[in-house]
Amino acid sequence: VYRQDCETFGMVVKMLIEKDPSLEKSIQFALRQNLHEIGERCVEELKHFIAEYDTSSQDFGEPF
């Protein structure tokens, strides 16, 4: 999902810059910031999934 989101953002930015090259400098920071936020969200979702998995494994008595 993370890679797909990054590719989508990159493609949209590329298309915008092709239409208006003056956007390049101003949009670069916003793109980096958004990609960073997406990355943080994905990491948090993964941590949440792992915690839920660990809890459910303990409920079933599996040795993980």
C-alpha atoms as a PDB file:
ATOM      1  CA  VAL A   1       0.000   0.000   0.000  1.00  0.00           C
ATOM      2  CA  TYR A   2       2.801   2.425   0.921  1.00  0.00           C
ATOM      3  CA  ARG A   3       4.576   1.962  -2.390  1.00  0.00           C
ATOM      4  CA  GLN A   4       1.330   2.350  -4.310  1.00  0.00           C
ATOM      5  CA  ASP A   5       0.489   5.578  -2.462  1.00  0.00           C
ATOM      6  CA  CYS A   6       3.979   6.958  -3.119  1.00  0.00           C
ATOM      7  CA  GLU A   7       3.760   6.125  -6.816  1.00  0.00           C
ATOM      8  CA  THR A   8       0.344   7.781  -7.066  1.00  0.00           C
ATOM      9  CA  PHE A   9       1.538  10.954  -5.337  1.00  0.00           C
ATOM     10  CA  GLY A  10       4.645  11.027  -7.538  1.00  0.00           C
ATOM     11  CA  MET A  11       2.622  10.606 -10.715  1.00  0.00           C
ATOM     12  CA  VAL A  12       0.194  13.387  -9.771  1.00  0.00           C
ATOM     13  CA  VAL A  13       3.047  15.755  -8.899  1.00  0.00           C
ATOM     14  CA  LYS A  14       4.825  14.938 -12.160  1.00  0.00           C
ATOM     15  CA  MET A  15       1.650  15.681 -14.132  1.00  0.00           C
ATOM     16  CA  LEU A  16       1.125  18.974 -12.291  1.00  0.00           C
ATOM     17  CA  ILE A  17       4.715  20.078 -12.907  1.00  0.00           C
ATOM     18  CA  GLU A  18       4.457  19.155 -16.593  1.00  0.00           C
ATOM     19  CA  LYS A  19       1.448  21.489 -16.851  1.00  0.00           C
ATOM     20  CA  ASP A  20       3.067  24.258 -14.794  1.00  0.00           C
ATOM     21  CA  PRO A  21       6.848  23.979 -14.244  1.00  0.00           C
ATOM     22  CA  SER A  22       6.779  26.914 -11.799  1.00  0.00           C
ATOM     23  CA  LEU A  23       5.123  24.579  -9.260  1.00  0.00           C
ATOM     24  CA  GLU A  24       8.200  22.365  -8.922  1.00  0.00           C
ATOM     25  CA  LYS A  25       9.951  24.125  -6.049  1.00  0.00           C
ATOM     26  CA  SER A  26       6.836  24.881  -4.025  1.00  0.00           C
ATOM     27  CA  ILE A  27       5.322  21.427  -4.416  1.00  0.00           C
ATOM     28  CA  GLN A  28       8.522  19.512  -3.593  1.00  0.00           C
ATOM     29  CA  PHE A  29       8.353  20.208   0.152  1.00  0.00           C
ATOM     30  CA  ALA A  30       4.646  19.343   0.316  1.00  0.00           C
ATOM     31  CA  LEU A  31       5.277  16.052  -1.502  1.00  0.00           C
ATOM     32  CA  ARG A  32       8.087  15.058   0.860  1.00  0.00           C
ATOM     33  CA  GLN A  33       5.976  15.950   3.871  1.00  0.00           C
ATOM     34  CA  ASN A  34       3.011  13.923   2.627  1.00  0.00           C
ATOM     35  CA  LEU A  35       5.149  10.888   1.795  1.00  0.00           C
ATOM     36  CA  HIS A  36       6.675  11.050   5.268  1.00  0.00           C
ATOM     37  CA  GLU A  37       3.218  11.189   6.865  1.00  0.00           C
ATOM     38  CA  ILE A  38       2.031   8.240   4.765  1.00  0.00           C
ATOM     39  CA  GLY A  39       5.103   6.295   5.875  1.00  0.00           C
ATOM     40  CA  GLU A  40       4.431   7.055   9.534  1.00  0.00           C
ATOM     41  CA  ARG A  41       0.796   6.001   9.161  1.00  0.00           C
ATOM     42  CA  CYS A  42       1.806   2.703   7.539  1.00  0.00           C
ATOM     43  CA  VAL A  43       4.303   1.981  10.325  1.00  0.00           C
ATOM     44  CA  GLU A  44       1.655   2.690  12.977  1.00  0.00           C
ATOM     45  CA  GLU A  45      -0.850   0.426  11.215  1.00  0.00           C
ATOM     46  CA  LEU A  46       1.765  -2.335  11.049  1.00  0.00           C
ATOM     47  CA  LYS A  47       2.557  -1.954  14.764  1.00  0.00           C
ATOM     48  CA  HIS A  48      -1.161  -2.143  15.546  1.00  0.00           C
ATOM     49  CA  PHE A  49      -1.536  -5.275  13.407  1.00  0.00           C
ATOM     50  CA  ILE A  50       1.423  -6.948  15.131  1.00  0.00           C
ATOM     51  CA  ALA A  51       0.053  -6.106  18.582  1.00  0.00           C
ATOM     52  CA  GLU A  52      -3.365  -7.533  17.662  1.00  0.00           C
ATOM     53  CA  TYR A  53      -1.728 -10.635  16.192  1.00  0.00           C
ATOM     54  CA  ASP A  54       0.358 -11.164  19.317  1.00  0.00           C
ATOM     55  CA  THR A  55      -2.732 -10.801  21.498  1.00  0.00           C
ATOM     56  CA  SER A  56      -4.776 -13.239  19.417  1.00  0.00           C
ATOM     57  CA  SER A  57      -1.897 -15.752  19.391  1.00  0.00           C
ATOM     58  CA  GLN A  58      -1.788 -15.666  23.188  1.00  0.00           C
ATOM     59  CA  ASP A  59      -5.539 -16.254  23.333  1.00  0.00           C
ATOM     60  CA  PHE A  60      -5.108 -19.465  21.353  1.00  0.00           C
ATOM     61  CA  GLY A  61      -2.078 -20.597  23.309  1.00  0.00           C
ATOM     62  CA  GLU A  62       0.233 -20.703  20.289  1.00  0.00           C
ATOM     63  CA  PRO A  63       3.947 -20.617  21.182  1.00  0.00           C
ATOM     64  CA  PHE A  64       4.957 -17.402  19.361  1.00  0.00           C
END
